[in-house]
Amino acid sequence: MNPSPVISPAISIADIVDAARVIAPAAVRTPLLENAVLNDRVGRRVLLKFEGAQRTGSFKFRGAYNRLARLDARERAAGVVAWSSGNHAQGIAAAARLLGIPATIVMPADAPAIKLANTRALGAEIVTYDRHTESREEIATTLSQSRGATLVPSFDDPYIIAGQGTAGLEILEQAAQADATIGQILVCCGGGGLTAGIATAVKARSPGTTIYTVEPAGFDDTARSLASGVHETVSPDARSICDALMAPSPGALTFPINQALLSGGLVVSDDQVRDAMRFAFSTLKLVVEPGGAVALAAMLAGFAPPCDGASVVVLSGSNVDSAAYAAIIGDSAA
């Protein structure tokens, strides 16, 4: 597998199986959960892939560890540079710490405090920027070039995509153990790495399963790109509480995969995301961050198309500031 930007197909099922082997000593096999109240509410069987149980509280550790584990001794000594709103940052920081690699992360100054604090606690150097006026990619690229460090994108890298795809392998295996045939999967989407990885794994072994991205309104560039057939971009004026899903455009590597394998894209409002976070807390007894709740929001809002078999909802992460979380779940007027 070549980490250089060779356009689609960037990865295969074999790459994902190999990634599962590489990350197995370090990653958590996250649970696939079922809740009777949720099933009754939406009138179908729903299985919840809870990535909040993963190291650092999100799926991002999977791809980060798979990428960093491939570096040779010279590359490890020179360190890595990444950019992230927080979950990739923590995944890279944790993987780098386990592997003894210096890590520098370019993060927005307004990233959730918990994500900034956790990334620092894992030993990474943080360089902040203004997400509305500066380019994180340019800052990170300059840093990596000046230091001779390896640049690790948050989604547009074959090893990253393959690592995220290990969640798809687990979904297939765990659904079989639960005697469930998967009819569809709803996955949150920022740059598309998680979706592309899961889609590659699932379609290789269950081609009849339909897969949909879910994005917050205003950041629905993948849904619009799937509809138009070209790379759409996010308006610079767009805002959302889903800080983890603010990629400006689908990835060069991820979009061709998603375009070939997905059945469409769904879009939810911030209010629907808040409702989903409250439902996850009160009924599922799970803490889910805004970006991690969009797929559940789509299911609760009735946006998921009909399907034969169970629906899988990916809850991608649990990293949310305590004050913001308390305000959302404590909003009695909602």
C-alpha atoms as a PDB file:
ATOM      1  CA  MET A   1       0.000   0.000   0.000  1.00  0.00           C
ATOM      2  CA  ASN A   2       1.441   3.352  -1.065  1.00  0.00           C
ATOM      3  CA  PRO A   3       0.867   6.395   1.190  1.00  0.00           C
ATOM      4  CA  SER A   4       1.390   8.783  -1.722  1.00  0.00           C
ATOM      5  CA  PRO A   5      -1.793  10.372  -3.148  1.00  0.00           C
ATOM      6  CA  VAL A   6      -2.629   7.819  -5.841  1.00  0.00           C
ATOM      7  CA  ILE A   7      -6.261   8.269  -6.764  1.00  0.00           C
ATOM      8  CA  SER A   8      -8.897   5.569  -6.237  1.00  0.00           C
ATOM      9  CA  PRO A   9      -8.935   2.859  -5.240  1.00  0.00           C
ATOM     10  CA  ALA A  10      -6.668   4.024  -2.423  1.00  0.00           C
ATOM     11  CA  ILE A  11      -7.238   0.892  -0.336  1.00  0.00           C
ATOM     12  CA  SER A  12      -8.627  -2.639  -0.542  1.00  0.00           C
ATOM     13  CA  ILE A  13     -10.185  -5.036   1.938  1.00  0.00           C
ATOM     14  CA  ALA A  14      -6.728  -6.648   2.268  1.00  0.00           C
ATOM     15  CA  ASP A  15      -5.318  -3.325   3.508  1.00  0.00           C
ATOM     16  CA  ILE A  16      -8.026  -3.123   6.157  1.00  0.00           C
ATOM     17  CA  VAL A  17      -7.429  -6.691   7.306  1.00  0.00           C
ATOM     18  CA  ASP A  18      -3.721  -5.862   7.581  1.00  0.00           C
ATOM     19  CA  ALA A  19      -4.543  -2.683   9.519  1.00  0.00           C
ATOM     20  CA  ALA A  20      -6.604  -4.743  11.957  1.00  0.00           C
ATOM     21  CA  ARG A  21      -3.536  -6.916  12.556  1.00  0.00           C
ATOM     22  CA  VAL A  22      -1.309  -3.882  13.131  1.00  0.00           C
ATOM     23  CA  ILE A  23      -3.585  -2.045  15.554  1.00  0.00           C
ATOM     24  CA  ALA A  24      -4.785  -5.118  17.470  1.00  0.00           C
ATOM     25  CA  PRO A  25      -2.202  -4.841  20.292  1.00  0.00           C
ATOM     26  CA  ALA A  26      -3.130  -1.203  20.987  1.00  0.00           C
ATOM     27  CA  ALA A  27      -6.728  -0.528  19.896  1.00  0.00           C
ATOM     28  CA  VAL A  28      -9.991  -1.346  21.662  1.00  0.00           C
ATOM     29  CA  ARG A  29     -12.556  -3.591  20.003  1.00  0.00           C
ATOM     30  CA  THR A  30     -15.489  -1.267  20.614  1.00  0.00           C
ATOM     31  CA  PRO A  31     -18.969  -2.611  21.400  1.00  0.00           C
ATOM     32  CA  LEU A  32     -21.945  -2.965  19.069  1.00  0.00           C
ATOM     33  CA  LEU A  33     -24.940  -2.163  21.275  1.00  0.00           C
ATOM     34  CA  GLU A  34     -28.697  -2.562  20.993  1.00  0.00           C
ATOM     35  CA  ASN A  35     -31.413  -0.717  22.904  1.00  0.00           C
ATOM     36  CA  ALA A  36     -35.077  -1.751  23.010  1.00  0.00           C
ATOM     37  CA  VAL A  37     -36.350   1.791  23.578  1.00  0.00           C
ATOM     38  CA  LEU A  38     -34.511   3.025  20.485  1.00  0.00           C
ATOM     39  CA  ASN A  39     -35.799   0.114  18.409  1.00  0.00           C
ATOM     40  CA  ASP A  40     -39.366   0.827  19.498  1.00  0.00           C
ATOM     41  CA  ARG A  41     -39.057   4.539  18.834  1.00  0.00           C
ATOM     42  CA  VAL A  42     -37.802   4.206  15.266  1.00  0.00           C
ATOM     43  CA  GLY A  43     -39.678   1.018  14.416  1.00  0.00           C
ATOM     44  CA  ARG A  44     -36.667  -0.996  13.293  1.00  0.00           C
ATOM     45  CA  ARG A  45     -33.699  -2.889  14.694  1.00  0.00           C
ATOM     46  CA  VAL A  46     -30.760  -0.581  15.320  1.00  0.00           C
ATOM     47  CA  LEU A  47     -27.223  -1.544  16.315  1.00  0.00           C
ATOM     48  CA  LEU A  48     -24.954   1.150  17.725  1.00  0.00           C
ATOM     49  CA  LYS A  49     -21.200   1.030  17.088  1.00  0.00           C
ATOM     50  CA  PHE A  50     -19.872   3.012  20.059  1.00  0.00           C
ATOM     51  CA  GLU A  51     -16.466   4.442  19.150  1.00  0.00           C
ATOM     52  CA  GLY A  52     -16.473   6.571  22.289  1.00  0.00           C
ATOM     53  CA  ALA A  53     -15.070   3.458  23.965  1.00  0.00           C
ATOM     54  CA  GLN A  54     -11.979   3.587  21.745  1.00  0.00           C
ATOM     55  CA  ARG A  55      -8.643   4.924  23.040  1.00  0.00           C
ATOM     56  CA  THR A  56      -8.824   8.737  23.261  1.00  0.00           C
ATOM     57  CA  GLY A  57     -12.622   8.583  22.961  1.00  0.00           C
ATOM     58  CA  SER A  58     -13.012   8.351  19.178  1.00  0.00           C
ATOM     59  CA  PHE A  59     -12.379   6.165  16.132  1.00  0.00           C
ATOM     60  CA  LYS A  60      -9.419   8.326  15.141  1.00  0.00           C
ATOM     61  CA  PHE A  61      -6.934   6.239  17.112  1.00  0.00           C
ATOM     62  CA  ARG A  62      -7.420   3.389  14.638  1.00  0.00           C
ATOM     63  CA  GLY A  63      -6.067   5.256  11.622  1.00  0.00           C
ATOM     64  CA  ALA A  64      -3.475   7.187  13.603  1.00  0.00           C
ATOM     65  CA  TYR A  65      -1.860   4.069  15.041  1.00  0.00           C
ATOM     66  CA  ASN A  66      -1.958   2.250  11.698  1.00  0.00           C
ATOM     67  CA  ARG A  67      -0.194   5.177  10.011  1.00  0.00           C
ATOM     68  CA  LEU A  68       2.453   5.826  12.657  1.00  0.00           C
ATOM     69  CA  ALA A  69       3.272   2.138  13.124  1.00  0.00           C
ATOM     70  CA  ARG A  70       4.426   2.062   9.480  1.00  0.00           C
ATOM     71  CA  LEU A  71       7.178   4.672  10.002  1.00  0.00           C
ATOM     72  CA  ASP A  72      10.775   3.479   9.964  1.00  0.00           C
ATOM     73  CA  ALA A  73      13.350   4.366  12.655  1.00  0.00           C
ATOM     74  CA  ARG A  74      14.567   7.507  10.881  1.00  0.00           C
ATOM     75  CA  GLU A  75      11.024   8.783  10.303  1.00  0.00           C
ATOM     76  CA  ARG A  76      10.058   8.085  13.907  1.00  0.00           C
ATOM     77  CA  ALA A  77      13.030  10.051  15.211  1.00  0.00           C
ATOM     78  CA  ALA A  78      12.118  13.049  13.022  1.00  0.00           C
ATOM     79  CA  GLY A  79       8.573  13.096  14.395  1.00  0.00           C
ATOM     80  CA  VAL A  80       5.162  13.728  12.884  1.00  0.00           C
ATOM     81  CA  VAL A  81       2.991  16.782  12.237  1.00  0.00           C
ATOM     82  CA  ALA A  82      -0.798  16.665  11.923  1.00  0.00           C
ATOM     83  CA  TRP A  83      -3.750  19.025  11.866  1.00  0.00           C
ATOM     84  CA  SER A  84      -7.024  18.404  13.640  1.00  0.00           C
ATOM     85  CA  SER A  85      -9.953  19.959  15.481  1.00  0.00           C
ATOM     86  CA  GLY A  86      -9.256  17.492  18.257  1.00  0.00           C
ATOM     87  CA  ASN A  87     -10.045  13.813  17.705  1.00  0.00           C
ATOM     88  CA  HIS A  88      -7.315  13.115  15.130  1.00  0.00           C
ATOM     89  CA  ALA A  89      -5.033  15.214  17.344  1.00  0.00           C
ATOM     90  CA  GLN A  90      -5.641  12.956  20.315  1.00  0.00           C
ATOM     91  CA  GLY A  91      -5.357   9.828  18.200  1.00  0.00           C
ATOM     92  CA  ILE A  92      -2.007  10.937  16.798  1.00  0.00           C
ATOM     93  CA  ALA A  93      -0.753  12.050  20.216  1.00  0.00           C
ATOM     94  CA  ALA A  94      -1.707   8.734  21.824  1.00  0.00           C
ATOM     95  CA  ALA A  95      -0.242   6.631  19.018  1.00  0.00           C
ATOM     96  CA  ALA A  96       2.935   8.720  18.982  1.00  0.00           C
ATOM     97  CA  ARG A  97       3.343   8.311  22.728  1.00  0.00           C
ATOM     98  CA  LEU A  98       2.946   4.527  22.502  1.00  0.00           C
ATOM     99  CA  LEU A  99       5.457   4.354  19.644  1.00  0.00           C
ATOM    100  CA  GLY A 100       7.967   6.876  21.058  1.00  0.00           C
ATOM    101  CA  ILE A 101       7.472   9.452  18.289  1.00  0.00           C
ATOM    102  CA  PRO A 102       7.542  13.270  18.798  1.00  0.00           C
ATOM    103  CA  ALA A 103       4.249  14.790  17.652  1.00  0.00           C
ATOM    104  CA  THR A 104       3.174  18.335  16.783  1.00  0.00           C
ATOM    105  CA  ILE A 105      -0.506  19.069  16.172  1.00  0.00           C
ATOM    106  CA  VAL A 106      -1.984  22.140  14.483  1.00  0.00           C
ATOM    107  CA  MET A 107      -5.329  22.786  16.206  1.00  0.00           C
ATOM    108  CA  PRO A 108      -7.941  25.569  15.981  1.00  0.00           C
ATOM    109  CA  ALA A 109      -7.732  28.016  18.862  1.00  0.00           C
ATOM    110  CA  ASP A 110     -11.458  27.510  19.473  1.00  0.00           C
ATOM    111  CA  ALA A 111     -11.276  23.703  19.642  1.00  0.00           C
ATOM    112  CA  PRO A 112     -13.081  22.210  22.648  1.00  0.00           C
ATOM    113  CA  ALA A 113     -10.938  22.705  25.734  1.00  0.00           C
ATOM    114  CA  ILE A 114     -11.081  19.011  26.563  1.00  0.00           C
ATOM    115  CA  LYS A 115      -9.549  18.124  23.192  1.00  0.00           C
ATOM    116  CA  LEU A 116      -6.751  20.674  23.606  1.00  0.00           C
ATOM    117  CA  ALA A 117      -6.064  19.539  27.183  1.00  0.00           C
ATOM    118  CA  ASN A 118      -6.117  15.842  26.359  1.00  0.00           C
ATOM    119  CA  THR A 119      -3.776  16.312  23.403  1.00  0.00           C
ATOM    120  CA  ARG A 120      -1.280  18.196  25.572  1.00  0.00           C
ATOM    121  CA  ALA A 121      -1.582  15.593  28.321  1.00  0.00           C
ATOM    122  CA  LEU A 122      -0.579  12.911  25.824  1.00  0.00           C
ATOM    123  CA  GLY A 123       2.684  14.765  25.236  1.00  0.00           C
ATOM    124  CA  ALA A 124       2.075  16.445  21.882  1.00  0.00           C
ATOM    125  CA  GLU A 125       3.155  19.986  21.050  1.00  0.00           C
ATOM    126  CA  ILE A 126       0.175  22.124  19.990  1.00  0.00           C
ATOM    127  CA  VAL A 127       0.278  24.995  17.489  1.00  0.00           C
ATOM    128  CA  THR A 128      -3.021  26.901  17.381  1.00  0.00           C
ATOM    129  CA  TYR A 129      -4.570  28.784  14.465  1.00  0.00           C
ATOM    130  CA  ASP A 130      -7.738  30.712  13.554  1.00  0.00           C
ATOM    131  CA  ARG A 131      -9.942  28.267  11.645  1.00  0.00           C
ATOM    132  CA  HIS A 132     -11.795  31.122   9.899  1.00  0.00           C
ATOM    133  CA  THR A 133      -8.775  33.055   8.600  1.00  0.00           C
ATOM    134  CA  GLU A 134      -5.825  30.651   8.431  1.00  0.00           C
ATOM    135  CA  SER A 135      -5.100  27.390   6.596  1.00  0.00           C
ATOM    136  CA  ARG A 136      -4.267  24.490   8.909  1.00  0.00           C
ATOM    137  CA  GLU A 137      -2.885  22.518   5.978  1.00  0.00           C
ATOM    138  CA  GLU A 138      -0.441  25.287   5.055  1.00  0.00           C
ATOM    139  CA  ILE A 139       0.725  25.709   8.653  1.00  0.00           C
ATOM    140  CA  ALA A 140       1.225  21.977   9.121  1.00  0.00           C
ATOM    141  CA  THR A 141       2.985  21.559   5.782  1.00  0.00           C
ATOM    142  CA  THR A 142       5.423  24.373   6.595  1.00  0.00           C
ATOM    143  CA  LEU A 143       6.160  22.872  10.003  1.00  0.00           C
ATOM    144  CA  SER A 144       6.748  19.399   8.615  1.00  0.00           C
ATOM    145  CA  GLN A 145       9.062  20.675   5.908  1.00  0.00           C
ATOM    146  CA  SER A 146      11.092  22.818   8.313  1.00  0.00           C
ATOM    147  CA  ARG A 147      11.511  19.925  10.756  1.00  0.00           C
ATOM    148  CA  GLY A 148      11.858  17.048   8.316  1.00  0.00           C
ATOM    149  CA  ALA A 149       8.834  15.469   9.996  1.00  0.00           C
ATOM    150  CA  THR A 150       6.205  13.219   8.424  1.00  0.00           C
ATOM    151  CA  LEU A 151       2.927  14.963   7.663  1.00  0.00           C
ATOM    152  CA  VAL A 152      -0.080  12.882   8.753  1.00  0.00           C
ATOM    153  CA  PRO A 153      -3.389  14.107   7.252  1.00  0.00           C
ATOM    154  CA  SER A 154      -6.568  13.530   9.200  1.00  0.00           C
ATOM    155  CA  PHE A 155      -8.264  11.514   6.427  1.00  0.00           C
ATOM    156  CA  ASP A 156      -6.540  11.683   3.033  1.00  0.00           C
ATOM    157  CA  ASP A 157      -3.973   8.935   3.565  1.00  0.00           C
ATOM    158  CA  PRO A 158      -4.357   5.250   2.625  1.00  0.00           C
ATOM    159  CA  TYR A 159      -3.121   3.983   6.005  1.00  0.00           C
ATOM    160  CA  ILE A 160      -5.488   6.318   7.839  1.00  0.00           C
ATOM    161  CA  ILE A 161      -8.454   5.183   5.747  1.00  0.00           C
ATOM    162  CA  ALA A 162      -7.549   1.523   6.189  1.00  0.00           C
ATOM    163  CA  GLY A 163      -7.203   1.973   9.931  1.00  0.00           C
ATOM    164  CA  GLN A 164     -10.645   3.546  10.189  1.00  0.00           C
ATOM    165  CA  GLY A 165     -11.995   0.691   8.096  1.00  0.00           C
ATOM    166  CA  THR A 166     -11.233  -1.733  10.915  1.00  0.00           C
ATOM    167  CA  ALA A 167     -14.421  -0.455  12.563  1.00  0.00           C
ATOM    168  CA  GLY A 168     -16.266  -1.852   9.550  1.00  0.00           C
ATOM    169  CA  LEU A 169     -14.703  -5.273  10.002  1.00  0.00           C
ATOM    170  CA  GLU A 170     -15.778  -5.267  13.640  1.00  0.00           C
ATOM    171  CA  ILE A 171     -19.328  -4.252  12.716  1.00  0.00           C
ATOM    172  CA  LEU A 172     -19.614  -7.214  10.339  1.00  0.00           C
ATOM    173  CA  GLU A 173     -18.221  -9.675  12.868  1.00  0.00           C
ATOM    174  CA  GLN A 174     -20.273  -8.363  15.800  1.00  0.00           C
ATOM    175  CA  ALA A 175     -23.498  -8.201  13.800  1.00  0.00           C
ATOM    176  CA  ALA A 176     -23.049 -11.845  12.844  1.00  0.00           C
ATOM    177  CA  GLN A 177     -22.591 -12.688  16.519  1.00  0.00           C
ATOM    178  CA  ALA A 178     -25.851 -10.837  17.249  1.00  0.00           C
ATOM    179  CA  ASP A 179     -27.609 -12.826  14.502  1.00  0.00           C
ATOM    180  CA  ALA A 180     -28.244  -9.618  12.555  1.00  0.00           C
ATOM    181  CA  THR A 181     -28.145  -9.052   8.815  1.00  0.00           C
ATOM    182  CA  ILE A 182     -27.019  -5.493   8.175  1.00  0.00           C
ATOM    183  CA  GLY A 183     -29.317  -3.617   5.830  1.00  0.00           C
ATOM    184  CA  GLN A 184     -27.728  -0.184   6.099  1.00  0.00           C
ATOM    185  CA  ILE A 185     -25.051   1.781   7.928  1.00  0.00           C
ATOM    186  CA  LEU A 186     -25.185   5.482   8.840  1.00  0.00           C
ATOM    187  CA  VAL A 187     -21.776   7.094   9.367  1.00  0.00           C
ATOM    188  CA  CYS A 188     -20.792  10.643  10.285  1.00  0.00           C
ATOM    189  CA  CYS A 189     -18.681  12.385   7.668  1.00  0.00           C
ATOM    190  CA  GLY A 190     -16.120  15.177   7.825  1.00  0.00           C
ATOM    191  CA  GLY A 191     -13.382  14.472   5.307  1.00  0.00           C
ATOM    192  CA  GLY A 192     -14.748  11.009   4.627  1.00  0.00           C
ATOM    193  CA  GLY A 193     -12.011   8.734   5.978  1.00  0.00           C
ATOM    194  CA  LEU A 194     -14.198   6.766   8.372  1.00  0.00           C
ATOM    195  CA  THR A 195     -16.937   6.388   5.780  1.00  0.00           C
ATOM    196  CA  ALA A 196     -14.505   5.308   3.058  1.00  0.00           C
ATOM    197  CA  GLY A 197     -12.849   2.767   5.322  1.00  0.00           C
ATOM    198  CA  ILE A 198     -16.094   1.281   6.595  1.00  0.00           C
ATOM    199  CA  ALA A 199     -17.601   1.244   3.095  1.00  0.00           C
ATOM    200  CA  THR A 200     -14.588  -0.584   1.668  1.00  0.00           C
ATOM    201  CA  ALA A 201     -14.723  -3.235   4.395  1.00  0.00           C
ATOM    202  CA  VAL A 202     -18.485  -3.716   4.354  1.00  0.00           C
ATOM    203  CA  LYS A 203     -19.069  -3.684   0.610  1.00  0.00           C
ATOM    204  CA  ALA A 204     -16.336  -6.291   0.116  1.00  0.00           C
ATOM    205  CA  ARG A 205     -18.153  -8.747   2.391  1.00  0.00           C
ATOM    206  CA  SER A 206     -21.771  -7.568   2.352  1.00  0.00           C
ATOM    207  CA  PRO A 207     -22.355  -5.907  -1.033  1.00  0.00           C
ATOM    208  CA  GLY A 208     -26.100  -5.538  -0.476  1.00  0.00           C
ATOM    209  CA  THR A 209     -25.652  -3.284   2.556  1.00  0.00           C
ATOM    210  CA  THR A 210     -26.375   0.382   1.825  1.00  0.00           C
ATOM    211  CA  ILE A 211     -24.182   3.060   3.404  1.00  0.00           C
ATOM    212  CA  TYR A 212     -25.026   6.718   3.979  1.00  0.00           C
ATOM    213  CA  THR A 213     -22.998   9.642   5.220  1.00  0.00           C
ATOM    214  CA  VAL A 214     -24.542  11.983   7.762  1.00  0.00           C
ATOM    215  CA  GLU A 215     -23.370  15.600   8.035  1.00  0.00           C
ATOM    216  CA  PRO A 216     -24.456  18.744   9.878  1.00  0.00           C
ATOM    217  CA  ALA A 217     -26.326  21.389   7.881  1.00  0.00           C
ATOM    218  CA  GLY A 218     -23.890  23.841   6.322  1.00  0.00           C
ATOM    219  CA  PHE A 219     -21.142  21.222   6.271  1.00  0.00           C
ATOM    220  CA  ASP A 220     -22.930  18.834   3.917  1.00  0.00           C
ATOM    221  CA  ASP A 221     -20.237  19.023   1.247  1.00  0.00           C
ATOM    222  CA  THR A 222     -20.094  15.234   0.828  1.00  0.00           C
ATOM    223  CA  ALA A 223     -23.873  14.902   0.435  1.00  0.00           C
ATOM    224  CA  ARG A 224     -23.831  17.667  -2.178  1.00  0.00           C
ATOM    225  CA  SER A 225     -20.765  16.179  -3.874  1.00  0.00           C
ATOM    226  CA  LEU A 226     -22.423  12.768  -4.092  1.00  0.00           C
ATOM    227  CA  ALA A 227     -25.448  14.411  -5.694  1.00  0.00           C
ATOM    228  CA  SER A 228     -23.491  16.569  -8.149  1.00  0.00           C
ATOM    229  CA  GLY A 229     -20.627  14.208  -8.916  1.00  0.00           C
ATOM    230  CA  VAL A 230     -17.959  16.862  -8.270  1.00  0.00           C
ATOM    231  CA  HIS A 231     -16.144  18.125  -5.191  1.00  0.00           C
ATOM    232  CA  GLU A 232     -18.361  20.685  -3.463  1.00  0.00           C
ATOM    233  CA  THR A 233     -17.054  23.008  -0.757  1.00  0.00           C
ATOM    234  CA  VAL A 234     -18.318  24.477   2.506  1.00  0.00           C
ATOM    235  CA  SER A 235     -19.224  28.149   2.722  1.00  0.00           C
ATOM    236  CA  PRO A 236     -16.740  30.129   4.843  1.00  0.00           C
ATOM    237  CA  ASP A 237     -19.755  31.492   6.743  1.00  0.00           C
ATOM    238  CA  ALA A 238     -20.988  28.013   7.778  1.00  0.00           C
ATOM    239  CA  ARG A 239     -21.189  27.294  11.503  1.00  0.00           C
ATOM    240  CA  SER A 240     -22.133  24.196  13.528  1.00  0.00           C
ATOM    241  CA  ILE A 241     -21.723  22.710  16.975  1.00  0.00           C
ATOM    242  CA  CYS A 242     -20.228  19.638  15.256  1.00  0.00           C
ATOM    243  CA  ASP A 243     -16.596  20.749  15.524  1.00  0.00           C
ATOM    244  CA  ALA A 244     -15.301  17.325  14.435  1.00  0.00           C
ATOM    245  CA  LEU A 245     -17.059  17.525  11.039  1.00  0.00           C
ATOM    246  CA  MET A 246     -15.833  20.806   9.613  1.00  0.00           C
ATOM    247  CA  ALA A 247     -13.653  19.643   6.723  1.00  0.00           C
ATOM    248  CA  PRO A 248     -14.028  22.194   3.907  1.00  0.00           C
ATOM    249  CA  SER A 249     -14.383  19.636   1.085  1.00  0.00           C
ATOM    250  CA  PRO A 250     -14.327  15.863   0.527  1.00  0.00           C
ATOM    251  CA  GLY A 251     -10.888  14.319   0.321  1.00  0.00           C
ATOM    252  CA  ALA A 252      -9.038  13.592  -2.906  1.00  0.00           C
ATOM    253  CA  LEU A 253      -8.633   9.957  -1.848  1.00  0.00           C
ATOM    254  CA  THR A 254     -11.802   9.492   0.175  1.00  0.00           C
ATOM    255  CA  PHE A 255     -14.353  10.954  -2.233  1.00  0.00           C
ATOM    256  CA  PRO A 256     -13.750   8.539  -5.152  1.00  0.00           C
ATOM    257  CA  ILE A 257     -14.208   5.638  -2.730  1.00  0.00           C
ATOM    258  CA  ASN A 258     -17.369   7.100  -1.251  1.00  0.00           C
ATOM    259  CA  GLN A 259     -18.728   8.087  -4.644  1.00  0.00           C
ATOM    260  CA  ALA A 260     -18.341   4.497  -5.828  1.00  0.00           C
ATOM    261  CA  LEU A 261     -19.676   2.750  -2.716  1.00  0.00           C
ATOM    262  CA  LEU A 262     -22.242   4.956  -0.969  1.00  0.00           C
ATOM    263  CA  SER A 263     -25.988   5.175  -1.539  1.00  0.00           C
ATOM    264  CA  GLY A 264     -26.274   8.859  -0.591  1.00  0.00           C
ATOM    265  CA  GLY A 265     -25.839  11.499   2.071  1.00  0.00           C
ATOM    266  CA  LEU A 266     -28.128  12.691   4.861  1.00  0.00           C
ATOM    267  CA  VAL A 267     -28.119  16.073   6.577  1.00  0.00           C
ATOM    268  CA  VAL A 268     -29.199  17.011  10.117  1.00  0.00           C
ATOM    269  CA  SER A 269     -29.590  20.303  11.973  1.00  0.00           C
ATOM    270  CA  ASP A 270     -27.734  21.284  15.137  1.00  0.00           C
ATOM    271  CA  ASP A 271     -31.015  21.057  17.041  1.00  0.00           C
ATOM    272  CA  GLN A 272     -31.472  17.475  15.870  1.00  0.00           C
ATOM    273  CA  VAL A 273     -27.914  16.738  16.999  1.00  0.00           C
ATOM    274  CA  ARG A 274     -28.696  18.170  20.434  1.00  0.00           C
ATOM    275  CA  ASP A 275     -31.798  15.975  20.625  1.00  0.00           C
ATOM    276  CA  ALA A 276     -29.680  12.943  19.781  1.00  0.00           C
ATOM    277  CA  MET A 277     -27.110  13.800  22.444  1.00  0.00           C
ATOM    278  CA  ARG A 278     -29.882  14.087  25.030  1.00  0.00           C
ATOM    279  CA  PHE A 279     -31.372  10.776  23.922  1.00  0.00           C
ATOM    280  CA  ALA A 280     -27.959   9.092  24.115  1.00  0.00           C
ATOM    281  CA  PHE A 281     -27.496  10.400  27.648  1.00  0.00           C
ATOM    282  CA  SER A 282     -30.953   9.742  29.040  1.00  0.00           C
ATOM    283  CA  THR A 283     -31.862   6.498  27.269  1.00  0.00           C
ATOM    284  CA  LEU A 284     -28.673   4.871  26.006  1.00  0.00           C
ATOM    285  CA  LYS A 285     -26.580   6.044  28.993  1.00  0.00           C
ATOM    286  CA  LEU A 286     -23.820   7.107  26.613  1.00  0.00           C
ATOM    287  CA  VAL A 287     -21.874  10.352  26.313  1.00  0.00           C
ATOM    288  CA  VAL A 288     -21.645  11.322  22.637  1.00  0.00           C
ATOM    289  CA  GLU A 289     -20.095  14.503  21.234  1.00  0.00           C
ATOM    290  CA  PRO A 290     -21.954  16.581  18.617  1.00  0.00           C
ATOM    291  CA  GLY A 291     -20.070  15.226  15.607  1.00  0.00           C
ATOM    292  CA  GLY A 292     -20.420  11.731  16.968  1.00  0.00           C
ATOM    293  CA  ALA A 293     -24.192  12.070  17.301  1.00  0.00           C
ATOM    294  CA  VAL A 294     -25.157  13.044  13.741  1.00  0.00           C
ATOM    295  CA  ALA A 295     -25.907   9.494  12.573  1.00  0.00           C
ATOM    296  CA  LEU A 296     -28.108   8.905  15.610  1.00  0.00           C
ATOM    297  CA  ALA A 297     -29.776  12.259  14.925  1.00  0.00           C
ATOM    298  CA  ALA A 298     -30.634  11.134  11.396  1.00  0.00           C
ATOM    299  CA  MET A 299     -32.105   7.883  12.698  1.00  0.00           C
ATOM    300  CA  LEU A 300     -34.186   9.600  15.386  1.00  0.00           C
ATOM    301  CA  ALA A 301     -35.413  12.228  12.902  1.00  0.00           C
ATOM    302  CA  GLY A 302     -36.663   9.531  10.523  1.00  0.00           C
ATOM    303  CA  PHE A 303     -34.183  10.353   7.758  1.00  0.00           C
ATOM    304  CA  ALA A 304     -32.789   6.834   7.357  1.00  0.00           C
ATOM    305  CA  PRO A 305     -34.287   5.168   4.262  1.00  0.00           C
ATOM    306  CA  PRO A 306     -36.156   1.875   4.669  1.00  0.00           C
ATOM    307  CA  CYS A 307     -34.025  -1.254   4.465  1.00  0.00           C
ATOM    308  CA  ASP A 308     -34.153  -5.004   4.861  1.00  0.00           C
ATOM    309  CA  GLY A 309     -32.260  -6.020   7.966  1.00  0.00           C
ATOM    310  CA  ALA A 310     -30.796  -4.070  10.856  1.00  0.00           C
ATOM    311  CA  SER A 311     -29.563  -0.492  10.674  1.00  0.00           C
ATOM    312  CA  VAL A 312     -26.123   0.270  12.112  1.00  0.00           C
ATOM    313  CA  VAL A 313     -25.533   3.739  13.554  1.00  0.00           C
ATOM    314  CA  VAL A 314     -21.915   4.715  14.162  1.00  0.00           C
ATOM    315  CA  LEU A 315     -21.422   6.858  17.272  1.00  0.00           C
ATOM    316  CA  SER A 316     -17.978   8.109  16.344  1.00  0.00           C
ATOM    317  CA  GLY A 317     -16.759   9.870  19.493  1.00  0.00           C
ATOM    318  CA  SER A 318     -17.377  11.137  23.008  1.00  0.00           C
ATOM    319  CA  ASN A 319     -15.054  14.130  23.385  1.00  0.00           C
ATOM    320  CA  VAL A 320     -17.201  17.078  24.409  1.00  0.00           C
ATOM    321  CA  ASP A 321     -16.513  19.910  26.861  1.00  0.00           C
ATOM    322  CA  SER A 322     -18.330  19.400  30.144  1.00  0.00           C
ATOM    323  CA  ALA A 323     -19.911  22.868  30.178  1.00  0.00           C
ATOM    324  CA  ALA A 324     -21.208  22.598  26.613  1.00  0.00           C
ATOM    325  CA  TYR A 325     -22.451  19.081  27.272  1.00  0.00           C
ATOM    326  CA  ALA A 326     -24.203  20.050  30.477  1.00  0.00           C
ATOM    327  CA  ALA A 327     -25.933  22.929  28.717  1.00  0.00           C
ATOM    328  CA  ILE A 328     -27.200  20.639  25.957  1.00  0.00           C
ATOM    329  CA  ILE A 329     -28.461  17.763  28.079  1.00  0.00           C
ATOM    330  CA  GLY A 330     -29.839  20.110  30.716  1.00  0.00           C
ATOM    331  CA  ASP A 331     -31.920  22.167  28.274  1.00  0.00           C
ATOM    332  CA  SER A 332     -35.337  21.413  29.732  1.00  0.00           C
ATOM    333  CA  ALA A 333     -37.035  23.589  27.133  1.00  0.00           C
ATOM    334  CA  ALA A 334     -35.857  21.346  24.294  1.00  0.00           C
END
